[in-house]
């Protein structure tokens, strides 16, 4: 067995864990924007701390003034990347569902999706590093603790949200809308 075949499950597990962290952070920051319509999140550009994650961290108004501009740009880039990823996933699904799947095209789209996921991870890491400079050591510890908790593998019931982060459950779970 080649080294790549042996390393593949580990790479996949790490990728899934980082993607989970990305999605958790993005969800925590993007949901308020969705609730108040498209464009900038509610309160953007005002003194109000509109991000539930940063409210949970207890950032000060001064810290927020430093964080918010980068966070707004992060939102824009994440949205752009998510739309592109969704398009590639849709195209890939169409190819897989076709009567005679074109494996070369499927692999090409798969690589685009993997590259897009890598870009997403890069966006999150840059944002974390930028915010880390502004946060106090106690706030940093709380932030990284929340991320660690959300990177854990979900059990059969799914993930429970942390600090305003949405719980991730199957869409048609019995007893849930």
N, C-alpha and C. Protein backbone atom coordinates (compact mmCIF):
# COMPACT_ATOMS: atom_id res chain seq x y z
N UNK A 1 0.85 -1.18 0.00
CA UNK A 1 0.00 0.00 0.00
C UNK A 1 0.89 1.24 0.00
N UNK A 2 0.57 2.19 -0.86
CA UNK A 2 1.39 3.40 -0.97
C UNK A 2 1.23 4.28 0.28
N UNK A 3 2.19 5.16 0.43
CA UNK A 3 2.14 6.08 1.58
C UNK A 3 0.91 6.97 1.50
N UNK A 4 0.52 7.38 0.28
CA UNK A 4 -0.66 8.23 0.12
C UNK A 4 -1.90 7.50 0.59
N UNK A 5 -2.05 6.23 0.24
CA UNK A 5 -3.24 5.48 0.65
C UNK A 5 -3.29 5.33 2.17
N UNK A 6 -2.14 5.21 2.80
CA UNK A 6 -2.10 5.11 4.26
C UNK A 6 -2.42 6.45 4.91
N UNK A 7 -1.94 7.53 4.32
CA UNK A 7 -2.14 8.86 4.90
C UNK A 7 -3.51 9.45 4.57
N UNK A 8 -4.15 8.94 3.56
CA UNK A 8 -5.42 9.50 3.10
C UNK A 8 -6.48 9.60 4.20
N UNK A 9 -6.71 8.54 5.02
CA UNK A 9 -7.72 8.68 6.09
C UNK A 9 -7.36 9.75 7.11
N UNK A 10 -6.08 9.90 7.39
CA UNK A 10 -5.65 10.92 8.35
C UNK A 10 -5.88 12.30 7.77
N UNK A 11 -5.51 12.50 6.51
CA UNK A 11 -5.72 13.79 5.85
C UNK A 11 -7.21 14.12 5.81
N UNK A 12 -8.03 13.13 5.51
CA UNK A 12 -9.47 13.34 5.46
C UNK A 12 -10.01 13.72 6.84
N UNK A 13 -9.56 13.05 7.89
CA UNK A 13 -10.03 13.36 9.24
C UNK A 13 -9.63 14.78 9.65
N UNK A 14 -8.40 15.17 9.35
CA UNK A 14 -7.95 16.52 9.67
C UNK A 14 -8.75 17.55 8.88
N UNK A 15 -8.95 17.26 7.59
CA UNK A 15 -9.73 18.17 6.76
C UNK A 15 -11.15 18.32 7.29
N UNK A 16 -11.78 17.22 7.66
CA UNK A 16 -13.14 17.28 8.20
C UNK A 16 -13.18 18.08 9.50
N UNK A 17 -12.19 17.88 10.35
CA UNK A 17 -12.16 18.61 11.62
C UNK A 17 -12.01 20.11 11.37
N UNK A 18 -11.11 20.48 10.47
CA UNK A 18 -10.93 21.90 10.18
C UNK A 18 -12.16 22.49 9.49
N UNK A 19 -12.78 21.71 8.60
CA UNK A 19 -14.00 22.20 7.95
C UNK A 19 -15.11 22.40 8.96
N UNK A 20 -15.19 21.51 9.94
CA UNK A 20 -16.19 21.66 10.99
C UNK A 20 -15.95 22.95 11.77
N UNK A 21 -14.68 23.23 12.08
CA UNK A 21 -14.36 24.47 12.78
C UNK A 21 -14.73 25.68 11.92
N UNK A 22 -14.42 25.59 10.63
CA UNK A 22 -14.75 26.68 9.70
C UNK A 22 -16.25 26.91 9.68
N UNK A 23 -17.00 25.84 9.49
CA UNK A 23 -18.45 25.97 9.40
C UNK A 23 -19.04 26.49 10.70
N UNK A 24 -18.51 26.04 11.82
CA UNK A 24 -19.02 26.50 13.11
C UNK A 24 -18.79 28.00 13.28
N UNK A 25 -17.58 28.44 12.98
CA UNK A 25 -17.28 29.87 13.13
C UNK A 25 -18.08 30.68 12.12
N UNK A 26 -18.15 30.21 10.88
CA UNK A 26 -18.90 30.94 9.87
C UNK A 26 -20.37 31.02 10.26
N UNK A 27 -20.93 29.91 10.74
CA UNK A 27 -22.33 29.90 11.14
C UNK A 27 -22.60 30.88 12.27
N UNK A 28 -21.70 30.90 13.23
CA UNK A 28 -21.88 31.80 14.37
C UNK A 28 -21.85 33.26 13.94
N UNK A 29 -21.10 33.54 12.91
CA UNK A 29 -20.98 34.92 12.47
C UNK A 29 -21.97 35.27 11.37
N UNK A 30 -22.37 34.30 10.56
CA UNK A 30 -23.23 34.58 9.41
C UNK A 30 -24.71 34.53 9.74
N UNK A 31 -25.11 33.77 10.74
CA UNK A 31 -26.53 33.64 11.05
C UNK A 31 -27.16 34.99 11.38
N UNK A 32 -26.54 35.86 12.17
CA UNK A 32 -27.17 37.16 12.42
C UNK A 32 -27.39 37.94 11.12
N UNK A 33 -26.47 37.83 10.18
CA UNK A 33 -26.63 38.53 8.90
C UNK A 33 -27.83 37.97 8.15
N UNK A 34 -28.01 36.68 8.16
CA UNK A 34 -29.14 36.06 7.46
C UNK A 34 -30.47 36.46 8.10
N UNK A 35 -30.48 36.60 9.41
CA UNK A 35 -31.72 36.96 10.09
C UNK A 35 -32.17 38.37 9.76
N UNK A 36 -31.22 39.22 9.38
CA UNK A 36 -31.53 40.62 9.10
C UNK A 36 -31.41 40.95 7.62
N UNK A 37 -31.41 39.94 6.77
CA UNK A 37 -31.35 40.16 5.33
C UNK A 37 -29.93 40.12 4.80
N UNK A 38 -29.83 40.23 3.49
CA UNK A 38 -28.52 40.18 2.82
C UNK A 38 -27.73 41.44 3.11
N UNK A 39 -26.46 41.41 2.75
CA UNK A 39 -25.59 42.57 2.96
C UNK A 39 -24.85 42.43 4.27
N UNK A 40 -24.46 43.54 4.82
CA UNK A 40 -23.70 43.55 6.06
C UNK A 40 -24.59 43.08 7.20
N UNK A 41 -24.00 42.41 8.18
CA UNK A 41 -24.77 41.95 9.33
C UNK A 41 -25.43 43.12 10.05
N UNK A 42 -26.51 42.82 10.76
CA UNK A 42 -27.22 43.85 11.52
C UNK A 42 -26.25 44.52 12.47
N UNK A 43 -26.26 45.82 12.49
CA UNK A 43 -25.39 46.55 13.40
C UNK A 43 -24.01 46.83 12.84
N UNK A 44 -23.70 46.31 11.64
CA UNK A 44 -22.38 46.51 11.08
C UNK A 44 -22.12 48.00 10.92
N UNK A 45 -20.92 48.41 11.31
CA UNK A 45 -20.56 49.81 11.19
C UNK A 45 -21.03 50.64 12.37
N UNK A 46 -21.74 50.05 13.31
CA UNK A 46 -22.19 50.76 14.50
C UNK A 46 -21.36 50.27 15.68
N UNK A 47 -21.59 50.85 16.83
CA UNK A 47 -20.79 50.45 17.99
C UNK A 47 -21.26 49.13 18.59
N UNK A 48 -22.47 48.70 18.24
CA UNK A 48 -23.01 47.45 18.78
C UNK A 48 -22.18 46.25 18.31
N UNK A 49 -21.90 45.34 19.21
CA UNK A 49 -21.18 44.11 18.88
C UNK A 49 -22.23 43.10 18.41
N UNK A 50 -22.38 42.97 17.08
CA UNK A 50 -23.44 42.16 16.50
C UNK A 50 -23.09 40.68 16.41
N UNK A 51 -21.85 40.31 16.56
CA UNK A 51 -21.44 38.91 16.43
C UNK A 51 -21.59 38.18 17.76
N UNK A 52 -22.40 37.10 17.79
CA UNK A 52 -22.60 36.36 19.04
C UNK A 52 -21.30 35.77 19.61
N UNK A 53 -20.39 35.37 18.73
CA UNK A 53 -19.12 34.82 19.19
C UNK A 53 -18.33 35.87 19.97
N UNK A 54 -18.25 37.06 19.43
CA UNK A 54 -17.48 38.11 20.09
C UNK A 54 -18.18 38.64 21.34
N UNK A 55 -19.50 38.63 21.33
CA UNK A 55 -20.23 38.97 22.57
C UNK A 55 -19.92 37.92 23.64
N UNK A 56 -19.90 36.64 23.24
CA UNK A 56 -19.61 35.57 24.21
C UNK A 56 -18.19 35.69 24.74
N UNK A 57 -17.28 36.20 23.92
CA UNK A 57 -15.89 36.39 24.36
C UNK A 57 -15.75 37.63 25.25
N UNK A 58 -16.76 38.50 25.25
CA UNK A 58 -16.72 39.71 26.06
C UNK A 58 -15.76 40.75 25.53
N UNK A 59 -15.69 40.88 24.20
CA UNK A 59 -14.78 41.89 23.66
C UNK A 59 -15.29 43.29 24.02
N UNK A 60 -14.36 44.19 24.22
CA UNK A 60 -14.70 45.58 24.53
C UNK A 60 -15.04 46.32 23.24
N UNK A 61 -15.61 47.51 23.40
CA UNK A 61 -15.91 48.34 22.23
C UNK A 61 -14.62 48.65 21.45
N UNK A 62 -13.54 48.93 22.16
CA UNK A 62 -12.26 49.24 21.50
C UNK A 62 -11.76 48.03 20.71
N UNK A 63 -11.86 46.85 21.30
CA UNK A 63 -11.45 45.64 20.59
C UNK A 63 -12.34 45.43 19.36
N UNK A 64 -13.64 45.64 19.54
CA UNK A 64 -14.58 45.43 18.44
C UNK A 64 -14.28 46.35 17.26
N UNK A 65 -13.91 47.60 17.54
CA UNK A 65 -13.57 48.53 16.46
C UNK A 65 -12.37 48.04 15.66
N UNK A 66 -11.48 47.30 16.30
CA UNK A 66 -10.33 46.73 15.60
C UNK A 66 -10.71 45.46 14.84
N UNK A 67 -11.61 44.67 15.40
CA UNK A 67 -11.98 43.38 14.82
C UNK A 67 -12.98 43.51 13.68
N UNK A 68 -13.97 44.38 13.83
CA UNK A 68 -15.11 44.41 12.90
C UNK A 68 -14.74 44.60 11.43
N UNK A 69 -13.86 45.52 11.05
CA UNK A 69 -13.56 45.68 9.62
C UNK A 69 -13.02 44.39 8.98
N UNK A 70 -12.12 43.73 9.66
CA UNK A 70 -11.58 42.46 9.15
C UNK A 70 -12.63 41.37 9.11
N UNK A 71 -13.53 41.39 10.09
CA UNK A 71 -14.59 40.40 10.16
C UNK A 71 -15.57 40.58 9.00
N UNK A 72 -15.87 41.83 8.66
CA UNK A 72 -16.76 42.09 7.52
C UNK A 72 -16.13 41.60 6.21
N UNK A 73 -14.85 41.84 6.05
CA UNK A 73 -14.15 41.35 4.85
C UNK A 73 -14.11 39.82 4.86
N UNK A 74 -13.89 39.23 6.02
CA UNK A 74 -13.91 37.77 6.17
C UNK A 74 -15.26 37.23 5.72
N UNK A 75 -16.34 37.85 6.17
CA UNK A 75 -17.70 37.44 5.75
C UNK A 75 -17.84 37.46 4.23
N UNK A 76 -17.37 38.54 3.63
CA UNK A 76 -17.50 38.68 2.18
C UNK A 76 -16.75 37.56 1.47
N UNK A 77 -15.53 37.30 1.89
CA UNK A 77 -14.71 36.27 1.25
C UNK A 77 -15.28 34.87 1.50
N UNK A 78 -15.77 34.62 2.70
CA UNK A 78 -16.37 33.32 3.02
C UNK A 78 -17.60 33.09 2.15
N UNK A 79 -18.44 34.11 2.04
CA UNK A 79 -19.66 33.98 1.22
C UNK A 79 -19.30 33.67 -0.22
N UNK A 80 -18.35 34.38 -0.75
CA UNK A 80 -17.91 34.17 -2.13
C UNK A 80 -17.40 32.74 -2.31
N UNK A 81 -16.57 32.29 -1.39
CA UNK A 81 -16.00 30.94 -1.47
C UNK A 81 -17.09 29.88 -1.31
N UNK A 82 -18.02 30.10 -0.39
CA UNK A 82 -19.11 29.13 -0.18
C UNK A 82 -19.97 28.97 -1.43
N UNK A 83 -20.27 30.08 -2.09
CA UNK A 83 -21.07 30.01 -3.31
C UNK A 83 -20.35 29.22 -4.39
N UNK A 84 -19.04 29.44 -4.53
CA UNK A 84 -18.27 28.70 -5.52
C UNK A 84 -18.22 27.22 -5.16
N UNK A 85 -17.99 26.90 -3.89
CA UNK A 85 -17.96 25.50 -3.46
C UNK A 85 -19.29 24.81 -3.74
N UNK A 86 -20.38 25.50 -3.45
CA UNK A 86 -21.69 24.90 -3.68
C UNK A 86 -21.91 24.63 -5.16
N UNK A 87 -21.48 25.55 -6.01
CA UNK A 87 -21.61 25.34 -7.44
C UNK A 87 -20.84 24.11 -7.88
N UNK A 88 -19.61 23.96 -7.42
CA UNK A 88 -18.81 22.80 -7.79
C UNK A 88 -19.41 21.51 -7.25
N UNK A 89 -19.92 21.55 -6.02
CA UNK A 89 -20.56 20.35 -5.46
C UNK A 89 -21.79 19.96 -6.28
N UNK A 90 -22.59 20.95 -6.67
CA UNK A 90 -23.77 20.68 -7.48
C UNK A 90 -23.38 20.06 -8.82
N UNK A 91 -22.35 20.63 -9.46
CA UNK A 91 -21.88 20.09 -10.74
C UNK A 91 -21.39 18.65 -10.57
N UNK A 92 -20.68 18.40 -9.49
CA UNK A 92 -20.16 17.06 -9.22
C UNK A 92 -21.30 16.07 -9.01
N UNK A 93 -22.31 16.48 -8.26
CA UNK A 93 -23.45 15.61 -8.01
C UNK A 93 -24.18 15.28 -9.30
N UNK A 94 -24.32 16.27 -10.18
CA UNK A 94 -24.96 16.02 -11.48
C UNK A 94 -24.16 14.99 -12.28
N UNK A 95 -22.84 15.12 -12.24
CA UNK A 95 -22.00 14.16 -12.96
C UNK A 95 -22.13 12.76 -12.37
N UNK A 96 -22.13 12.65 -11.06
CA UNK A 96 -22.25 11.35 -10.40
C UNK A 96 -23.61 10.72 -10.71
N UNK A 97 -24.65 11.55 -10.76
CA UNK A 97 -26.01 11.05 -11.00
C UNK A 97 -26.27 10.72 -12.47
N UNK A 98 -25.41 11.16 -13.37
CA UNK A 98 -25.64 10.91 -14.79
C UNK A 98 -25.55 9.41 -15.11
N UNK A 99 -26.20 8.96 -16.19
CA UNK A 99 -26.18 7.54 -16.54
C UNK A 99 -24.77 6.98 -16.74
N UNK A 100 -23.88 7.77 -17.31
CA UNK A 100 -22.49 7.33 -17.51
C UNK A 100 -21.56 8.40 -16.95
N UNK A 101 -21.25 8.34 -15.65
CA UNK A 101 -20.42 9.38 -15.03
C UNK A 101 -19.05 9.50 -15.69
N UNK A 102 -18.64 10.74 -15.90
CA UNK A 102 -17.33 11.05 -16.45
C UNK A 102 -16.37 11.18 -15.26
N UNK A 103 -15.61 10.12 -15.02
CA UNK A 103 -14.74 10.07 -13.83
C UNK A 103 -13.67 11.16 -13.85
N UNK A 104 -13.15 11.48 -15.03
CA UNK A 104 -12.12 12.53 -15.10
C UNK A 104 -12.72 13.87 -14.69
N UNK A 105 -13.92 14.16 -15.14
CA UNK A 105 -14.58 15.42 -14.77
C UNK A 105 -14.92 15.43 -13.28
N UNK A 106 -15.35 14.30 -12.76
CA UNK A 106 -15.67 14.19 -11.33
C UNK A 106 -14.42 14.45 -10.50
N UNK A 107 -13.31 13.83 -10.89
CA UNK A 107 -12.06 14.05 -10.14
C UNK A 107 -11.59 15.50 -10.25
N UNK A 108 -11.77 16.12 -11.39
CA UNK A 108 -11.38 17.52 -11.55
C UNK A 108 -12.21 18.42 -10.63
N UNK A 109 -13.52 18.16 -10.58
CA UNK A 109 -14.38 18.94 -9.68
C UNK A 109 -14.04 18.65 -8.22
N UNK A 110 -13.76 17.40 -7.93
CA UNK A 110 -13.37 17.04 -6.56
C UNK A 110 -12.14 17.83 -6.14
N UNK A 111 -11.18 17.97 -7.05
CA UNK A 111 -9.97 18.73 -6.72
C UNK A 111 -10.30 20.21 -6.50
N UNK A 112 -11.22 20.76 -7.31
CA UNK A 112 -11.64 22.15 -7.12
C UNK A 112 -12.28 22.33 -5.74
N UNK A 113 -13.12 21.38 -5.34
CA UNK A 113 -13.76 21.44 -4.02
C UNK A 113 -12.70 21.39 -2.92
N UNK A 114 -11.75 20.47 -3.06
CA UNK A 114 -10.68 20.38 -2.06
C UNK A 114 -9.87 21.67 -1.99
N UNK A 115 -9.57 22.25 -3.15
CA UNK A 115 -8.84 23.53 -3.17
C UNK A 115 -9.67 24.63 -2.50
N UNK A 116 -10.98 24.66 -2.78
CA UNK A 116 -11.87 25.64 -2.16
C UNK A 116 -11.94 25.47 -0.66
N UNK A 117 -11.96 24.21 -0.20
CA UNK A 117 -11.95 23.96 1.24
C UNK A 117 -10.64 24.43 1.86
N UNK A 118 -9.55 24.25 1.13
CA UNK A 118 -8.26 24.75 1.60
C UNK A 118 -8.26 26.27 1.70
N UNK A 119 -8.87 26.94 0.70
CA UNK A 119 -8.98 28.41 0.77
C UNK A 119 -9.81 28.82 1.99
N UNK A 120 -10.89 28.08 2.25
CA UNK A 120 -11.74 28.40 3.39
C UNK A 120 -10.96 28.25 4.69
N UNK A 121 -10.20 27.20 4.80
CA UNK A 121 -9.37 27.00 5.99
C UNK A 121 -8.36 28.13 6.14
N UNK A 122 -7.79 28.57 5.02
CA UNK A 122 -6.84 29.69 5.05
C UNK A 122 -7.51 30.98 5.52
N UNK A 123 -8.74 31.22 5.04
CA UNK A 123 -9.47 32.40 5.49
C UNK A 123 -9.68 32.38 7.00
N UNK A 124 -10.10 31.23 7.51
CA UNK A 124 -10.37 31.11 8.94
C UNK A 124 -9.08 31.28 9.74
N UNK A 125 -8.02 30.64 9.29
CA UNK A 125 -6.75 30.76 10.03
C UNK A 125 -6.24 32.19 10.04
N UNK A 126 -6.33 32.90 8.91
CA UNK A 126 -5.91 34.31 8.87
C UNK A 126 -6.76 35.16 9.81
N UNK A 127 -8.07 34.89 9.82
CA UNK A 127 -8.96 35.65 10.70
C UNK A 127 -8.64 35.38 12.17
N UNK A 128 -8.43 34.10 12.49
CA UNK A 128 -8.08 33.76 13.88
C UNK A 128 -6.79 34.45 14.31
N UNK A 129 -5.79 34.42 13.44
CA UNK A 129 -4.51 35.05 13.78
C UNK A 129 -4.65 36.56 13.93
N UNK A 130 -5.46 37.18 13.08
CA UNK A 130 -5.68 38.63 13.17
C UNK A 130 -6.40 38.99 14.47
N UNK A 131 -7.40 38.20 14.83
CA UNK A 131 -8.15 38.49 16.05
C UNK A 131 -7.35 38.18 17.30
N UNK A 132 -6.50 37.17 17.22
CA UNK A 132 -5.70 36.78 18.38
C UNK A 132 -4.86 37.95 18.87
N UNK A 133 -4.38 38.78 17.97
CA UNK A 133 -3.56 39.94 18.33
C UNK A 133 -4.37 40.93 19.17
N UNK A 134 -5.68 41.01 18.93
CA UNK A 134 -6.54 41.99 19.59
C UNK A 134 -7.10 41.44 20.91
N UNK A 135 -7.30 40.13 20.99
CA UNK A 135 -7.92 39.53 22.17
C UNK A 135 -6.94 39.42 23.33
N UNK A 136 -7.49 39.48 24.54
CA UNK A 136 -6.68 39.27 25.74
C UNK A 136 -6.33 37.78 25.84
N UNK A 137 -5.34 37.41 26.64
CA UNK A 137 -5.04 35.99 26.80
C UNK A 137 -6.25 35.16 27.28
N UNK A 138 -7.05 35.71 28.17
CA UNK A 138 -8.24 34.98 28.65
C UNK A 138 -9.25 34.81 27.52
N UNK A 139 -9.45 35.83 26.71
CA UNK A 139 -10.37 35.73 25.58
C UNK A 139 -9.86 34.73 24.55
N UNK A 140 -8.55 34.75 24.33
CA UNK A 140 -7.95 33.78 23.40
C UNK A 140 -8.21 32.36 23.88
N UNK A 141 -7.98 32.12 25.15
CA UNK A 141 -8.19 30.77 25.70
C UNK A 141 -9.64 30.34 25.53
N UNK A 142 -10.57 31.24 25.81
CA UNK A 142 -11.99 30.92 25.65
C UNK A 142 -12.32 30.62 24.19
N UNK A 143 -11.82 31.43 23.27
CA UNK A 143 -12.06 31.22 21.85
C UNK A 143 -11.54 29.85 21.41
N UNK A 144 -10.29 29.55 21.75
CA UNK A 144 -9.71 28.28 21.31
C UNK A 144 -10.37 27.09 22.00
N UNK A 145 -10.83 27.29 23.21
CA UNK A 145 -11.58 26.23 23.89
C UNK A 145 -12.90 25.95 23.16
N UNK A 146 -13.61 27.01 22.74
CA UNK A 146 -14.86 26.82 22.00
C UNK A 146 -14.60 26.11 20.67
N UNK A 147 -13.51 26.49 20.00
CA UNK A 147 -13.19 25.85 18.72
C UNK A 147 -12.87 24.37 18.94
N UNK A 148 -12.06 24.08 19.98
CA UNK A 148 -11.72 22.68 20.26
C UNK A 148 -12.97 21.85 20.50
N UNK A 149 -13.90 22.38 21.27
CA UNK A 149 -15.14 21.65 21.55
C UNK A 149 -15.93 21.39 20.28
N UNK A 150 -15.91 22.33 19.34
CA UNK A 150 -16.65 22.16 18.09
C UNK A 150 -15.91 21.31 17.07
N UNK A 151 -14.66 21.02 17.31
CA UNK A 151 -13.91 20.16 16.39
C UNK A 151 -14.05 18.69 16.75
N UNK A 152 -14.66 18.40 17.88
CA UNK A 152 -14.82 17.01 18.28
C UNK A 152 -15.77 16.32 17.33
N UNK A 153 -15.55 15.05 17.15
CA UNK A 153 -16.42 14.26 16.27
C UNK A 153 -17.79 14.16 16.89
N UNK A 154 -18.83 14.36 16.08
CA UNK A 154 -20.19 14.27 16.61
C UNK A 154 -20.58 12.83 16.90
N UNK A 155 -21.41 12.68 17.90
CA UNK A 155 -21.98 11.37 18.19
C UNK A 155 -23.21 11.17 17.33
N UNK A 156 -23.97 10.11 17.58
CA UNK A 156 -25.14 9.83 16.77
C UNK A 156 -26.18 10.94 16.79
N UNK A 157 -26.26 11.72 17.87
CA UNK A 157 -27.27 12.76 17.97
C UNK A 157 -26.84 14.04 17.26
N UNK A 158 -25.60 14.13 16.78
CA UNK A 158 -25.14 15.34 16.11
C UNK A 158 -24.45 16.27 17.08
N UNK A 159 -23.99 17.39 16.56
CA UNK A 159 -23.27 18.36 17.38
C UNK A 159 -24.24 19.29 18.08
N UNK A 160 -23.92 19.63 19.28
CA UNK A 160 -24.68 20.65 20.00
C UNK A 160 -23.87 21.93 19.88
N UNK A 161 -24.54 23.01 19.60
CA UNK A 161 -23.86 24.28 19.38
C UNK A 161 -23.21 24.83 20.64
N UNK A 162 -22.18 25.59 20.45
CA UNK A 162 -21.46 26.23 21.55
C UNK A 162 -21.46 27.73 21.34
N UNK A 163 -21.70 28.50 22.36
CA UNK A 163 -21.59 29.95 22.34
C UNK A 163 -22.25 30.57 21.11
N UNK A 164 -23.50 30.20 20.89
CA UNK A 164 -24.22 30.78 19.77
C UNK A 164 -23.99 30.07 18.46
N UNK A 165 -23.16 29.04 18.47
CA UNK A 165 -22.91 28.30 17.24
C UNK A 165 -24.04 27.30 17.05
N UNK A 166 -24.56 27.19 15.84
CA UNK A 166 -25.72 26.34 15.61
C UNK A 166 -25.42 24.87 15.79
N UNK A 167 -26.40 24.15 16.32
CA UNK A 167 -26.29 22.70 16.39
C UNK A 167 -26.43 22.17 14.97
N UNK A 168 -25.66 21.17 14.64
CA UNK A 168 -25.72 20.60 13.29
C UNK A 168 -26.43 19.27 13.39
N UNK A 169 -27.61 19.18 12.79
CA UNK A 169 -28.42 17.96 12.84
C UNK A 169 -28.88 17.63 11.44
N UNK A 170 -29.24 16.36 11.22
CA UNK A 170 -29.84 16.02 9.93
C UNK A 170 -31.10 16.86 9.72
N UNK A 171 -31.37 17.25 8.48
CA UNK A 171 -32.49 18.15 8.20
C UNK A 171 -33.83 17.57 8.58
N UNK A 172 -34.06 16.31 8.38
CA UNK A 172 -35.37 15.71 8.62
C UNK A 172 -35.39 14.87 9.89
N UNK A 173 -34.75 15.35 10.93
CA UNK A 173 -34.72 14.64 12.18
C UNK A 173 -36.13 14.60 12.78
N UNK A 174 -36.60 13.41 13.18
CA UNK A 174 -37.95 13.32 13.74
C UNK A 174 -38.12 14.24 14.94
N UNK A 175 -39.29 14.88 14.98
CA UNK A 175 -39.62 15.75 16.10
C UNK A 175 -39.03 17.14 16.00
N UNK A 176 -38.35 17.43 14.89
CA UNK A 176 -37.75 18.77 14.72
C UNK A 176 -38.26 19.36 13.41
N UNK A 177 -38.53 20.66 13.41
CA UNK A 177 -38.99 21.30 12.17
C UNK A 177 -37.89 21.37 11.12
